[in-house]
PDB file of N, CA and C in Angstrom:
ATOM      1  N   MET A   1      -1.482  -8.796 -24.207  1.00  0.00           N
ATOM      2  CA  MET A   1      -3.341  -8.795 -23.812  1.00  0.00           C
ATOM      3  C   MET A   1      -2.816  -8.190 -21.992  1.00  0.00           C
ATOM      4  N   GLN A   2      -3.603  -7.282 -22.137  1.00  0.00           N
ATOM      5  CA  GLN A   2      -3.600  -6.732 -20.602  1.00  0.00           C
ATOM      6  C   GLN A   2      -5.013  -6.775 -19.471  1.00  0.00           C
ATOM      7  N   SER A   3      -3.538  -7.218 -18.170  1.00  0.00           N
ATOM      8  CA  SER A   3      -4.588  -7.721 -17.079  1.00  0.00           C
ATOM      9  C   SER A   3      -5.672  -7.669 -16.711  1.00  0.00           C
ATOM     10  N   THR A   4      -6.672  -7.941 -15.821  1.00  0.00           N
ATOM     11  CA  THR A   4      -7.406  -6.820 -14.660  1.00  0.00           C
ATOM     12  C   THR A   4      -6.751  -6.941 -13.974  1.00  0.00           C
ATOM     13  N   ILE A   5      -7.690  -5.758 -13.580  1.00  0.00           N
ATOM     14  CA  ILE A   5      -7.916  -4.798 -12.252  1.00  0.00           C
ATOM     15  C   ILE A   5      -7.343  -5.673 -11.199  1.00  0.00           C
ATOM     16  N   VAL A   6      -7.900  -6.996 -10.774  1.00  0.00           N
ATOM     17  CA  VAL A   6      -7.453  -8.203  -9.814  1.00  0.00           C
ATOM     18  C   VAL A   6      -6.039  -8.268 -10.039  1.00  0.00           C
ATOM     19  N   GLU A   7      -5.882  -9.334 -11.220  1.00  0.00           N
ATOM     20  CA  GLU A   7      -4.547  -9.178 -11.506  1.00  0.00           C
ATOM     21  C   GLU A   7      -3.335  -8.112 -11.133  1.00  0.00           C
ATOM     22  N   THR A   8      -3.831  -6.694 -12.115  1.00  0.00           N
ATOM     23  CA  THR A   8      -2.723  -6.874 -11.288  1.00  0.00           C
ATOM     24  C   THR A   8      -2.561  -5.917  -9.835  1.00  0.00           C
ATOM     25  N   LEU A   9      -3.521  -5.918  -9.054  1.00  0.00           N
ATOM     26  CA  LEU A   9      -3.500  -5.400  -7.636  1.00  0.00           C
ATOM     27  C   LEU A   9      -2.958  -6.972  -6.915  1.00  0.00           C
ATOM     28  N   SER A  10      -3.278  -8.098  -7.324  1.00  0.00           N
ATOM     29  CA  SER A  10      -2.360  -9.665  -6.641  1.00  0.00           C
ATOM     30  C   SER A  10      -1.095  -8.977  -6.828  1.00  0.00           C
ATOM     31  N   ARG A  11      -0.125  -8.601  -8.301  1.00  0.00           N
ATOM     32  CA  ARG A  11       1.500  -8.413  -8.101  1.00  0.00           C
ATOM     33  C   ARG A  11       1.444  -6.582  -6.935  1.00  0.00           C
ATOM     34  N   CYS A  12       0.714  -6.467  -6.717  1.00  0.00           N
ATOM     35  CA  CYS A  12       0.602  -5.179  -5.779  1.00  0.00           C
ATOM     36  C   CYS A  12       0.403  -6.219  -4.279  1.00  0.00           C
ATOM     37  N   ARG A  13       0.799  -6.922  -4.345  1.00  0.00           N
ATOM     38  CA  ARG A  13       0.615  -7.461  -2.417  1.00  0.00           C
ATOM     39  C   ARG A  13      -0.937  -6.508  -2.134  1.00  0.00           C
ATOM     40  N   GLY A  14      -2.437  -6.605  -3.218  1.00  0.00           N
ATOM     41  CA  GLY A  14      -3.393  -6.011  -2.875  1.00  0.00           C
ATOM     42  C   GLY A  14      -4.138  -5.304  -2.800  1.00  0.00           C
ATOM     43  N   VAL A  15      -2.208  -4.372  -2.709  1.00  0.00           N
ATOM     44  CA  VAL A  15      -3.038  -2.842  -2.371  1.00  0.00           C
ATOM     45  C   VAL A  15      -2.591  -1.829  -3.352  1.00  0.00           C
ATOM     46  N   ALA A  16      -3.030  -0.987  -4.009  1.00  0.00           N
ATOM     47  CA  ALA A  16      -2.136   0.151  -4.960  1.00  0.00           C
ATOM     48  C   ALA A  16      -2.956   1.333  -5.165  1.00  0.00           C
ATOM     49  N   ARG A  17      -2.467   2.006  -5.771  1.00  0.00           N
ATOM     50  CA  ARG A  17      -2.625   3.674  -6.085  1.00  0.00           C
ATOM     51  C   ARG A  17      -4.073   3.478  -7.267  1.00  0.00           C
ATOM     52  N   VAL A  18      -5.348   4.397  -7.343  1.00  0.00           N
ATOM     53  CA  VAL A  18      -5.924   4.681  -8.423  1.00  0.00           C
ATOM     54  C   VAL A  18      -4.673   4.511  -9.502  1.00  0.00           C
ATOM     55  N   SER A  19      -3.996   5.242  -9.584  1.00  0.00           N
ATOM     56  CA  SER A  19      -3.187   6.387 -10.857  1.00  0.00           C
ATOM     57  C   SER A  19      -2.286   4.948 -11.012  1.00  0.00           C
ATOM     58  N   GLU A  20      -2.150   4.117 -10.108  1.00  0.00           N
ATOM     59  CA  GLU A  20      -1.359   3.140 -10.743  1.00  0.00           C
ATOM     60  C   GLU A  20      -2.227   2.530 -12.195  1.00  0.00           C
ATOM     61  N   LEU A  21      -2.816   1.872 -11.140  1.00  0.00           N
ATOM     62  CA  LEU A  21      -4.342   1.268 -12.050  1.00  0.00           C
ATOM     63  C   LEU A  21      -4.664   2.003 -13.359  1.00  0.00           C
ATOM     64  N   ALA A  22      -4.886   2.809 -13.247  1.00  0.00           N
ATOM     65  CA  ALA A  22      -5.234   4.202 -14.787  1.00  0.00           C
ATOM     66  C   ALA A  22      -3.723   3.883 -15.136  1.00  0.00           C
ATOM     67  N   ALA A  23      -2.913   3.767 -15.125  1.00  0.00           N
ATOM     68  CA  ALA A  23      -0.885   3.343 -15.842  1.00  0.00           C
ATOM     69  C   ALA A  23      -1.595   2.418 -16.408  1.00  0.00           C
ATOM     70  N   ASP A  24      -1.807   1.573 -15.810  1.00  0.00           N
ATOM     71  CA  ASP A  24      -1.841   0.578 -16.367  1.00  0.00           C
ATOM     72  C   ASP A  24      -2.890  -0.063 -17.703  1.00  0.00           C
ATOM     73  N   GLY A  25      -4.030   1.326 -17.605  1.00  0.00           N
ATOM     74  CA  GLY A  25      -4.436   0.794 -18.022  1.00  0.00           C
ATOM     75  C   GLY A  25      -6.598   0.828 -17.070  1.00  0.00           C
ATOM     76  N   HIS A  26      -6.088   0.428 -16.398  1.00  0.00           N
ATOM     77  CA  HIS A  26      -7.809   0.468 -15.466  1.00  0.00           C
ATOM     78  C   HIS A  26      -8.152   1.834 -15.804  1.00  0.00           C
ATOM     79  N   PRO A  27      -9.312   2.173 -16.641  1.00  0.00           N
ATOM     80  CA  PRO A  27     -10.525   2.838 -16.339  1.00  0.00           C
ATOM     81  C   PRO A  27     -11.286   3.447 -15.542  1.00  0.00           C
ATOM     82  N   SER A  28     -11.303   4.592 -14.231  1.00  0.00           N
ATOM     83  CA  SER A  28     -11.517   4.916 -13.215  1.00  0.00           C
ATOM     84  C   SER A  28     -13.315   4.038 -12.989  1.00  0.00           C
ATOM     85  N   ALA A  29     -13.461   4.363 -13.890  1.00  0.00           N
ATOM     86  CA  ALA A  29     -15.310   4.019 -14.337  1.00  0.00           C
ATOM     87  C   ALA A  29     -15.210   2.340 -13.731  1.00  0.00           C
ATOM     88  N   ALA A  30     -13.903   1.471 -14.361  1.00  0.00           N
ATOM     89  CA  ALA A  30     -14.090   0.094 -13.983  1.00  0.00           C
ATOM     90  C   ALA A  30     -13.534  -0.237 -12.550  1.00  0.00           C
ATOM     91  N   ILE A  31     -13.050   1.063 -11.786  1.00  0.00           N
ATOM     92  CA  ILE A  31     -12.407   0.097 -10.872  1.00  0.00           C
ATOM     93  C   ILE A  31     -13.559   0.947  -9.582  1.00  0.00           C
ATOM     94  N   ASP A  32     -14.101   1.982 -10.201  1.00  0.00           N
ATOM     95  CA  ASP A  32     -15.720   2.097  -9.668  1.00  0.00           C
ATOM     96  C   ASP A  32     -16.773   0.789  -9.339  1.00  0.00           C
ATOM     97  N   ARG A  33     -16.445   0.444  -9.949  1.00  0.00           N
ATOM     98  CA  ARG A  33     -17.380  -0.846 -10.294  1.00  0.00           C
ATOM     99  C   ARG A  33     -17.694  -1.176  -9.455  1.00  0.00           C
ATOM    100  N   LEU A  34     -16.411  -1.892 -10.419  1.00  0.00           N
ATOM    101  CA  LEU A  34     -15.619  -3.163  -8.304  1.00  0.00           C
ATOM    102  C   LEU A  34     -16.049  -2.738  -7.159  1.00  0.00           C
ATOM    103  N   VAL A  35     -15.535  -1.452  -6.919  1.00  0.00           N
ATOM    104  CA  VAL A  35     -15.704  -0.910  -6.253  1.00  0.00           C
ATOM    105  C   VAL A  35     -17.470  -0.786  -5.062  1.00  0.00           C
ATOM    106  N   ALA A  36     -17.991  -1.110  -5.535  1.00  0.00           N
ATOM    107  CA  ALA A  36     -20.033  -0.612  -5.525  1.00  0.00           C
ATOM    108  C   ALA A  36     -19.886  -2.192  -5.101  1.00  0.00           C
ATOM    109  N   ARG A  37     -19.491  -3.384  -6.608  1.00  0.00           N
ATOM    110  CA  ARG A  37     -19.841  -4.452  -6.813  1.00  0.00           C
ATOM    111  C   ARG A  37     -19.027  -5.483  -5.249  1.00  0.00           C
ATOM    112  N   GLY A  38     -17.646  -4.464  -4.265  1.00  0.00           N
ATOM    113  CA  GLY A  38     -17.667  -5.009  -3.639  1.00  0.00           C
ATOM    114  C   GLY A  38     -16.770  -5.702  -3.388  1.00  0.00           C
ATOM    115  N   GLY A  39     -16.054  -5.929  -4.811  1.00  0.00           N
ATOM    116  CA  GLY A  39     -14.892  -6.501  -5.527  1.00  0.00           C
ATOM    117  C   GLY A  39     -13.242  -5.620  -5.081  1.00  0.00           C
ATOM    118  N   LEU A  40     -13.900  -4.636  -4.785  1.00  0.00           N
ATOM    119  CA  LEU A  40     -12.457  -3.514  -4.014  1.00  0.00           C
ATOM    120  C   LEU A  40     -12.368  -2.044  -2.946  1.00  0.00           C
ATOM    121  N   VAL A  41     -11.917  -2.512  -2.251  1.00  0.00           N
ATOM    122  CA  VAL A  41     -12.347  -1.573  -1.480  1.00  0.00           C
ATOM    123  C   VAL A  41     -11.497  -0.783  -1.402  1.00  0.00           C
ATOM    124  N   ARG A  42     -12.153   0.270  -1.355  1.00  0.00           N
ATOM    125  CA  ARG A  42     -11.819   2.174  -0.795  1.00  0.00           C
ATOM    126  C   ARG A  42     -10.714   1.930   0.520  1.00  0.00           C
ATOM    127  N   LEU A  43     -10.018   2.254   0.073  1.00  0.00           N
ATOM    128  CA  LEU A  43      -8.109   2.548   1.412  1.00  0.00           C
ATOM    129  C   LEU A  43      -9.057   3.794   1.971  1.00  0.00           C
ATOM    130  N   ARG A  44      -8.759   4.706   1.065  1.00  0.00           N
ATOM    131  CA  ARG A  44      -8.591   6.510   1.414  1.00  0.00           C
ATOM    132  C   ARG A  44      -8.001   6.979  -0.278  1.00  0.00           C
ATOM    133  N   ARG A  45      -8.293   8.352  -0.067  1.00  0.00           N
ATOM    134  CA  ARG A  45      -8.392   9.257  -1.376  1.00  0.00           C
ATOM    135  C   ARG A  45      -7.779   8.697  -2.726  1.00  0.00           C
ATOM    136  N   GLY A  46      -7.650   7.402  -2.968  1.00  0.00           N
ATOM    137  CA  GLY A  46      -6.297   7.517  -4.140  1.00  0.00           C
ATOM    138  C   GLY A  46      -5.868   5.870  -4.164  1.00  0.00           C
ATOM    139  N   TRP A  47      -6.778   5.268  -2.918  1.00  0.00           N
ATOM    140  CA  TRP A  47      -6.052   4.225  -2.945  1.00  0.00           C
ATOM    141  C   TRP A  47      -6.911   3.385  -2.576  1.00  0.00           C
ATOM    142  N   VAL A  48      -7.204   1.350  -3.526  1.00  0.00           N
ATOM    143  CA  VAL A  48      -7.913   0.661  -3.228  1.00  0.00           C
ATOM    144  C   VAL A  48      -6.978  -0.943  -3.026  1.00  0.00           C
ATOM    145  N   ALA A  49      -7.916  -1.251  -2.600  1.00  0.00           N
ATOM    146  CA  ALA A  49      -7.638  -3.104  -1.966  1.00  0.00           C
ATOM    147  C   ALA A  49      -8.939  -4.437  -2.394  1.00  0.00           C
ATOM    148  N   LEU A  50      -7.925  -5.329  -2.394  1.00  0.00           N
ATOM    149  CA  LEU A  50      -8.711  -6.328  -2.478  1.00  0.00           C
ATOM    150  C   LEU A  50      -9.007  -6.868  -1.344  1.00  0.00           C
ATOM    151  N   PRO A  51     -10.676  -7.393  -0.536  1.00  0.00           N
ATOM    152  CA  PRO A  51     -11.068  -7.333  -0.085  1.00  0.00           C
ATOM    153  C   PRO A  51     -10.502  -8.695   0.788  1.00  0.00           C
ATOM    154  N   ASP A  52      -9.496  -9.012  -0.333  1.00  0.00           N
ATOM    155  CA  ASP A  52      -8.510 -10.359   1.602  1.00  0.00           C
ATOM    156  C   ASP A  52      -7.166  -9.527   1.499  1.00  0.00           C
ATOM    157  N   ALA A  53      -6.703  -8.061   1.161  1.00  0.00           N
ATOM    158  CA  ALA A  53      -5.666  -7.838   0.719  1.00  0.00           C
ATOM    159  C   ALA A  53      -5.072  -7.950   2.730  1.00  0.00           C
ATOM    160  N   HIS A  54      -3.668  -8.173   2.131  1.00  0.00           N
ATOM    161  CA  HIS A  54      -2.661  -8.695   3.910  1.00  0.00           C
ATOM    162  C   HIS A  54      -3.189  -7.342   4.742  1.00  0.00           C
ATOM    163  N   GLY A  55      -3.503  -7.467   6.339  1.00  0.00           N
ATOM    164  CA  GLY A  55      -3.705  -7.043   7.415  1.00  0.00           C
ATOM    165  C   GLY A  55      -2.508  -5.544   7.409  1.00  0.00           C
ATOM    166  N   ASP A  56      -1.140  -5.608   7.503  1.00  0.00           N
ATOM    167  CA  ASP A  56      -0.460  -4.415   7.533  1.00  0.00           C
ATOM    168  C   ASP A  56      -0.425  -3.768   5.882  1.00  0.00           C
ATOM    169  N   VAL A  57      -0.287  -4.092   4.863  1.00  0.00           N
ATOM    170  CA  VAL A  57      -0.212  -3.498   4.010  1.00  0.00           C
ATOM    171  C   VAL A  57      -0.872  -2.893   3.729  1.00  0.00           C
ATOM    172  N   VAL A  58      -2.937  -2.772   4.237  1.00  0.00           N
ATOM    173  CA  VAL A  58      -3.652  -2.216   3.908  1.00  0.00           C
ATOM    174  C   VAL A  58      -3.662  -1.331   5.038  1.00  0.00           C
ATOM    175  N   ARG A  59      -2.872  -1.515   6.345  1.00  0.00           N
ATOM    176  CA  ARG A  59      -3.233  -0.655   7.782  1.00  0.00           C
ATOM    177  C   ARG A  59      -2.075   0.549   6.889  1.00  0.00           C
ATOM    178  N   ALA A  60      -1.343   0.493   6.369  1.00  0.00           N
ATOM    179  CA  ALA A  60       0.277   1.072   5.959  1.00  0.00           C
ATOM    180  C   ALA A  60      -0.627   1.774   4.319  1.00  0.00           C
ATOM    181  N   ALA A  61      -1.499   1.683   3.815  1.00  0.00           N
ATOM    182  CA  ALA A  61      -1.738   2.643   3.190  1.00  0.00           C
ATOM    183  C   ALA A  61      -3.410   3.466   4.468  1.00  0.00           C
ATOM    184  N   ARG A  62      -3.798   2.593   4.568  1.00  0.00           N
ATOM    185  CA  ARG A  62      -4.862   4.012   5.291  1.00  0.00           C
ATOM    186  C   ARG A  62      -3.958   4.564   5.916  1.00  0.00           C
ATOM    187  N   LEU A  63      -3.154   4.436   7.039  1.00  0.00           N
ATOM    188  CA  LEU A  63      -2.531   5.443   7.798  1.00  0.00           C
ATOM    189  C   LEU A  63      -1.978   6.332   7.094  1.00  0.00           C
ATOM    190  N   GLY A  64      -1.589   6.255   5.325  1.00  0.00           N
ATOM    191  CA  GLY A  64      -0.407   7.536   5.004  1.00  0.00           C
ATOM    192  C   GLY A  64       0.291   7.048   4.375  1.00  0.00           C
ATOM    193  N   GLY A  65       0.560   5.631   4.469  1.00  0.00           N
ATOM    194  CA  GLY A  65       2.024   5.342   3.812  1.00  0.00           C
ATOM    195  C   GLY A  65       1.974   4.163   2.936  1.00  0.00           C
ATOM    196  N   VAL A  66       3.170   3.432   2.853  1.00  0.00           N
ATOM    197  CA  VAL A  66       2.914   2.410   2.801  1.00  0.00           C
ATOM    198  C   VAL A  66       4.189   1.421   3.804  1.00  0.00           C
ATOM    199  N   LEU A  67       4.160   0.155   3.971  1.00  0.00           N
ATOM    200  CA  LEU A  67       4.633  -0.791   4.003  1.00  0.00           C
ATOM    201  C   LEU A  67       5.984  -0.468   3.615  1.00  0.00           C
ATOM    202  N   SER A  68       6.799  -0.751   4.991  1.00  0.00           N
ATOM    203  CA  SER A  68       8.638  -0.508   4.891  1.00  0.00           C
ATOM    204  C   SER A  68       9.161  -1.507   5.833  1.00  0.00           C
ATOM    205  N   CYS A  69      10.585  -1.622   5.646  1.00  0.00           N
ATOM    206  CA  CYS A  69      11.671  -2.099   6.694  1.00  0.00           C
ATOM    207  C   CYS A  69      11.360  -3.169   7.698  1.00  0.00           C
ATOM    208  N   VAL A  70      11.094  -2.775   8.684  1.00  0.00           N
ATOM    209  CA  VAL A  70      11.109  -4.869   9.359  1.00  0.00           C
ATOM    210  C   VAL A  70      10.088  -5.012   8.903  1.00  0.00           C
ATOM    211  N   SER A  71       8.712  -4.419   8.499  1.00  0.00           N
ATOM    212  CA  SER A  71       7.299  -4.971   8.912  1.00  0.00           C
ATOM    213  C   SER A  71       7.232  -5.914   7.913  1.00  0.00           C
ATOM    214  N   VAL A  72       8.035  -5.407   6.347  1.00  0.00           N
ATOM    215  CA  VAL A  72       7.789  -6.414   4.666  1.00  0.00           C
ATOM    216  C   VAL A  72       9.159  -7.426   5.251  1.00  0.00           C
ATOM    217  N   LEU A  73      10.340  -7.022   5.789  1.00  0.00           N
ATOM    218  CA  LEU A  73      11.305  -8.301   5.305  1.00  0.00           C
ATOM    219  C   LEU A  73      10.734  -9.276   6.988  1.00  0.00           C
ATOM    220  N   ARG A  74       9.771  -9.058   8.313  1.00  0.00           N
ATOM    221  CA  ARG A  74       9.279  -9.891   9.050  1.00  0.00           C
ATOM    222  C   ARG A  74       8.975 -11.603   7.864  1.00  0.00           C
ATOM    223  N   PRO A  75       7.272 -11.028   7.507  1.00  0.00           N
ATOM    224  CA  PRO A  75       6.937 -12.107   6.966  1.00  0.00           C
ATOM    225  C   PRO A  75       7.781 -12.893   5.990  1.00  0.00           C
ATOM    226  N   LEU A  76       9.018 -12.474   5.558  1.00  0.00           N
ATOM    227  CA  LEU A  76       9.520 -13.154   4.168  1.00  0.00           C
ATOM    228  C   LEU A  76      10.384 -14.132   4.488  1.00  0.00           C
ATOM    229  N   GLY A  77      10.463 -14.345   6.487  1.00  0.00           N
ATOM    230  CA  GLY A  77      11.320 -15.550   7.233  1.00  0.00           C
ATOM    231  C   GLY A  77      13.130 -14.774   7.355  1.00  0.00           C
ATOM    232  N   VAL A  78      12.970 -13.239   7.485  1.00  0.00           N
ATOM    233  CA  VAL A  78      14.115 -12.385   8.206  1.00  0.00           C
ATOM    234  C   VAL A  78      14.458 -12.459   9.378  1.00  0.00           C
ATOM    235  N   TRP A  79      15.110 -12.085   9.504  1.00  0.00           N
ATOM    236  CA  TRP A  79      14.967 -12.106  11.600  1.00  0.00           C
ATOM    237  C   TRP A  79      15.233 -11.067  11.334  1.00  0.00           C
ATOM    238  N   THR A  80      14.202 -10.142  12.389  1.00  0.00           N
ATOM    239  CA  THR A  80      14.026  -8.511  12.666  1.00  0.00           C
ATOM    240  C   THR A  80      13.921  -8.827  14.076  1.00  0.00           C
ATOM    241  N   GLY A  81      14.514  -8.778  14.979  1.00  0.00           N
ATOM    242  CA  GLY A  81      14.754  -8.880  16.335  1.00  0.00           C
ATOM    243  C   GLY A  81      13.290  -8.915  16.877  1.00  0.00           C
ATOM    244  N   GLU A  82      13.097  -8.185  18.283  1.00  0.00           N
ATOM    245  CA  GLU A  82      12.214  -8.054  18.731  1.00  0.00           C
ATOM    246  C   GLU A  82      10.473  -6.789  18.829  1.00  0.00           C
ATOM    247  N   ASP A  83      11.058  -6.306  17.377  1.00  0.00           N
ATOM    248  CA  ASP A  83      10.956  -5.074  16.814  1.00  0.00           C
ATOM    249  C   ASP A  83       9.520  -5.270  16.303  1.00  0.00           C
ATOM    250  N   ALA A  84       8.145  -5.259  17.064  1.00  0.00           N
ATOM    251  CA  ALA A  84       6.374  -6.174  16.375  1.00  0.00           C
ATOM    252  C   ALA A  84       5.618  -5.123  15.505  1.00  0.00           C
ATOM    253  N   ARG A  85       6.879  -3.539  15.839  1.00  0.00           N
ATOM    254  CA  ARG A  85       5.399  -2.568  15.556  1.00  0.00           C
ATOM    255  C   ARG A  85       5.657  -2.434  14.215  1.00  0.00           C
ATOM    256  N   LEU A  86       4.512  -1.981  13.528  1.00  0.00           N
ATOM    257  CA  LEU A  86       4.251  -1.222  12.350  1.00  0.00           C
ATOM    258  C   LEU A  86       5.611  -0.482  11.309  1.00  0.00           C
ATOM    259  N   HIS A  87       6.111  -0.520  10.479  1.00  0.00           N
ATOM    260  CA  HIS A  87       6.171   0.274   9.544  1.00  0.00           C
ATOM    261  C   HIS A  87       5.734   0.510   8.957  1.00  0.00           C
ATOM    262  N   LEU A  88       6.019   2.508   8.500  1.00  0.00           N
ATOM    263  CA  LEU A  88       5.465   2.688   7.694  1.00  0.00           C
ATOM    264  C   LEU A  88       6.395   3.406   6.896  1.00  0.00           C
ATOM    265  N   GLN A  89       6.242   3.902   5.667  1.00  0.00           N
ATOM    266  CA  GLN A  89       7.288   5.185   4.918  1.00  0.00           C
ATOM    267  C   GLN A  89       6.416   6.674   4.203  1.00  0.00           C
ATOM    268  N   VAL A  90       6.634   7.376   4.776  1.00  0.00           N
ATOM    269  CA  VAL A  90       6.034   8.442   4.283  1.00  0.00           C
ATOM    270  C   VAL A  90       6.876   9.008   3.359  1.00  0.00           C
ATOM    271  N   ARG A  91       6.043  10.190   2.921  1.00  0.00           N
ATOM    272  CA  ARG A  91       6.765  10.934   2.046  1.00  0.00           C
ATOM    273  C   ARG A  91       7.374  12.235   2.886  1.00  0.00           C
ATOM    274  N   ARG A  92       8.577  12.928   2.179  1.00  0.00           N
ATOM    275  CA  ARG A  92       9.309  13.661   2.763  1.00  0.00           C
ATOM    276  C   ARG A  92       8.651  14.672   3.720  1.00  0.00           C
ATOM    277  N   HIS A  93       7.693  15.633   3.271  1.00  0.00           N
ATOM    278  CA  HIS A  93       7.355  16.904   3.797  1.00  0.00           C
ATOM    279  C   HIS A  93       5.283  15.709   3.920  1.00  0.00           C
ATOM    280  N   SER A  94       4.745  14.736   3.646  1.00  0.00           N
ATOM    281  CA  SER A  94       3.586  14.574   4.073  1.00  0.00           C
ATOM    282  C   SER A  94       3.656  14.598   5.441  1.00  0.00           C
ATOM    283  N   HIS A  95       2.231  15.530   6.214  1.00  0.00           N
ATOM    284  CA  HIS A  95       1.794  15.014   7.584  1.00  0.00           C
ATOM    285  C   HIS A  95       0.692  14.012   7.865  1.00  0.00           C
ATOM    286  N   VAL A  96       1.858  13.877   8.518  1.00  0.00           N
ATOM    287  CA  VAL A  96       1.186  12.181   9.395  1.00  0.00           C
ATOM    288  C   VAL A  96       1.131  11.939  11.118  1.00  0.00           C
ATOM    289  N   PRO A  97      -0.112  12.660  11.253  1.00  0.00           N
ATOM    290  CA  PRO A  97      -0.509  12.475  12.760  1.00  0.00           C
ATOM    291  C   PRO A  97      -0.348  11.510  12.935  1.00  0.00           C
ATOM    292  N   ASP A  98       0.322  11.174  14.646  1.00  0.00           N
ATOM    293  CA  ASP A  98       0.741  10.160  15.612  1.00  0.00           C
ATOM    294  C   ASP A  98      -0.295   9.181  15.695  1.00  0.00           C
ATOM    295  N   HIS A  99       0.407   8.065  15.164  1.00  0.00           N
ATOM    296  CA  HIS A  99      -0.699   6.680  14.891  1.00  0.00           C
ATOM    297  C   HIS A  99      -0.145   5.467  16.406  1.00  0.00           C
ATOM    298  N   GLY A 100       0.640   6.343  17.646  1.00  0.00           N
ATOM    299  CA  GLY A 100       0.834   5.429  18.661  1.00  0.00           C
ATOM    300  C   GLY A 100       1.969   4.945  18.856  1.00  0.00           C
ATOM    301  N   ALA A 101       2.438   4.258  19.804  1.00  0.00           N
ATOM    302  CA  ALA A 101       3.340   3.860  20.377  1.00  0.00           C
ATOM    303  C   ALA A 101       3.766   2.614  19.533  1.00  0.00           C
ATOM    304  N   ASP A 102       2.907   2.176  18.634  1.00  0.00           N
ATOM    305  CA  ASP A 102       3.119   0.470  17.980  1.00  0.00           C
ATOM    306  C   ASP A 102       3.131   0.998  16.144  1.00  0.00           C
ATOM    307  N   VAL A 103       3.777   1.967  15.885  1.00  0.00           N
ATOM    308  CA  VAL A 103       3.826   2.466  14.486  1.00  0.00           C
ATOM    309  C   VAL A 103       5.094   3.390  14.801  1.00  0.00           C
ATOM    310  N   VAL A 104       5.775   2.827  13.156  1.00  0.00           N
ATOM    311  CA  VAL A 104       7.317   4.104  13.500  1.00  0.00           C
ATOM    312  C   VAL A 104       7.171   4.118  11.833  1.00  0.00           C
ATOM    313  N   THR A 105       7.212   5.257  11.342  1.00  0.00           N
ATOM    314  CA  THR A 105       7.345   6.051  10.983  1.00  0.00           C
ATOM    315  C   THR A 105       8.198   6.458   9.939  1.00  0.00           C
ATOM    316  N   HIS A 106       8.977   6.634   8.697  1.00  0.00           N
ATOM    317  CA  HIS A 106       9.932   6.441   8.085  1.00  0.00           C
ATOM    318  C   HIS A 106       9.771   7.669   6.859  1.00  0.00           C
ATOM    319  N   ARG A 107      10.735   9.096   7.014  1.00  0.00           N
ATOM    320  CA  ARG A 107      10.456   9.107   5.913  1.00  0.00           C
ATOM    321  C   ARG A 107      10.908   9.370   4.630  1.00  0.00           C
ATOM    322  N   HIS A 108      10.736   8.939   3.387  1.00  0.00           N
ATOM    323  CA  HIS A 108      11.323   8.977   2.274  1.00  0.00           C
ATOM    324  C   HIS A 108      11.658  10.095   1.938  1.00  0.00           C
ATOM    325  N   HIS A 109      13.195  10.536   1.776  1.00  0.00           N
ATOM    326  CA  HIS A 109      13.891  11.404   0.771  1.00  0.00           C
ATOM    327  C   HIS A 109      13.717  11.735  -0.315  1.00  0.00           C
ATOM    328  N   GLY A 110      12.899  10.306  -1.290  1.00  0.00           N
ATOM    329  CA  GLY A 110      13.806  10.527  -2.643  1.00  0.00           C
ATOM    330  C   GLY A 110      15.288  10.411  -3.375  1.00  0.00           C
ATOM    331  N   LEU A 111      16.136   9.721  -2.509  1.00  0.00           N
ATOM    332  CA  LEU A 111      16.919  10.003  -2.865  1.00  0.00           C
ATOM    333  C   LEU A 111      17.779   9.424  -4.322  1.00  0.00           C
ATOM    334  N   GLY A 112      17.091   9.836  -5.844  1.00  0.00           N
ATOM    335  CA  GLY A 112      17.013   8.794  -6.957  1.00  0.00           C
ATOM    336  C   GLY A 112      15.990   7.310  -6.724  1.00  0.00           C
ATOM    337  N   VAL A 113      15.320   7.206  -5.521  1.00  0.00           N
ATOM    338  CA  VAL A 113      14.870   5.751  -5.140  1.00  0.00           C
ATOM    339  C   VAL A 113      13.042   6.348  -6.355  1.00  0.00           C
ATOM    340  N   ARG A 114      13.111   5.249  -6.949  1.00  0.00           N
ATOM    341  CA  ARG A 114      11.938   5.108  -7.808  1.00  0.00           C
ATOM    342  C   ARG A 114      10.652   4.989  -6.426  1.00  0.00           C
ATOM    343  N   PRO A 115       9.360   5.951  -6.298  1.00  0.00           N
ATOM    344  CA  PRO A 115       8.720   5.467  -5.233  1.00  0.00           C
ATOM    345  C   PRO A 115       7.845   3.913  -5.010  1.00  0.00           C
ATOM    346  N   PRO A 116       7.760   3.213  -4.491  1.00  0.00           N
ATOM    347  CA  PRO A 116       7.334   1.628  -4.136  1.00  0.00           C
ATOM    348  C   PRO A 116       6.258   2.133  -5.216  1.00  0.00           C
ATOM    349  N   ARG A 117       5.957   0.790  -6.065  1.00  0.00           N
ATOM    350  CA  ARG A 117       4.841   0.041  -6.584  1.00  0.00           C
ATOM    351  C   ARG A 117       3.314  -0.944  -5.574  1.00  0.00           C
ATOM    352  N   GLY A 118       2.486  -0.053  -5.459  1.00  0.00           N
ATOM    353  CA  GLY A 118       1.311  -0.471  -4.822  1.00  0.00           C
ATOM    354  C   GLY A 118       1.797  -0.023  -3.529  1.00  0.00           C
ATOM    355  N   ALA A 119       1.642  -0.597  -2.628  1.00  0.00           N
ATOM    356  CA  ALA A 119       1.856  -0.196  -1.368  1.00  0.00           C
ATOM    357  C   ALA A 119       2.671  -1.085   0.356  1.00  0.00           C
ATOM    358  N   VAL A 120       3.913  -1.457  -0.623  1.00  0.00           N
ATOM    359  CA  VAL A 120       4.624  -2.401  -0.313  1.00  0.00           C
ATOM    360  C   VAL A 120       6.295  -1.950  -0.993  1.00  0.00           C
ATOM    361  N   ASP A 121       6.848  -0.954   0.242  1.00  0.00           N
ATOM    362  CA  ASP A 121       7.791  -0.043  -0.253  1.00  0.00           C
ATOM    363  C   ASP A 121       9.224  -1.425  -0.455  1.00  0.00           C
TER     364      ASP A 121
END
């Protein structure tokens, strides 16, 4: 049985690439209808989120990356020290504007690691 778009997004912490949803069998027309009805939010080109998706995951996707490093570990209860900045991973050659002192950008070098599903590394 095919899962719904909402079920698929829930497994990705509420945020995913449209191409990932399409690969799971969700046509772009169905995604567009959900956006039009307010069931999904477009974050940027090629990315959508559930309206109640976690703020840091949404922010990372809006900034052009995926949530990474201590920003993933902290909510899981792992001690991360005093670093409260948002950590995001971007592709190696991505153009990433300066997001300010509260954002740390990590470059993904593709060393045999498959890219994250959704917006969480």
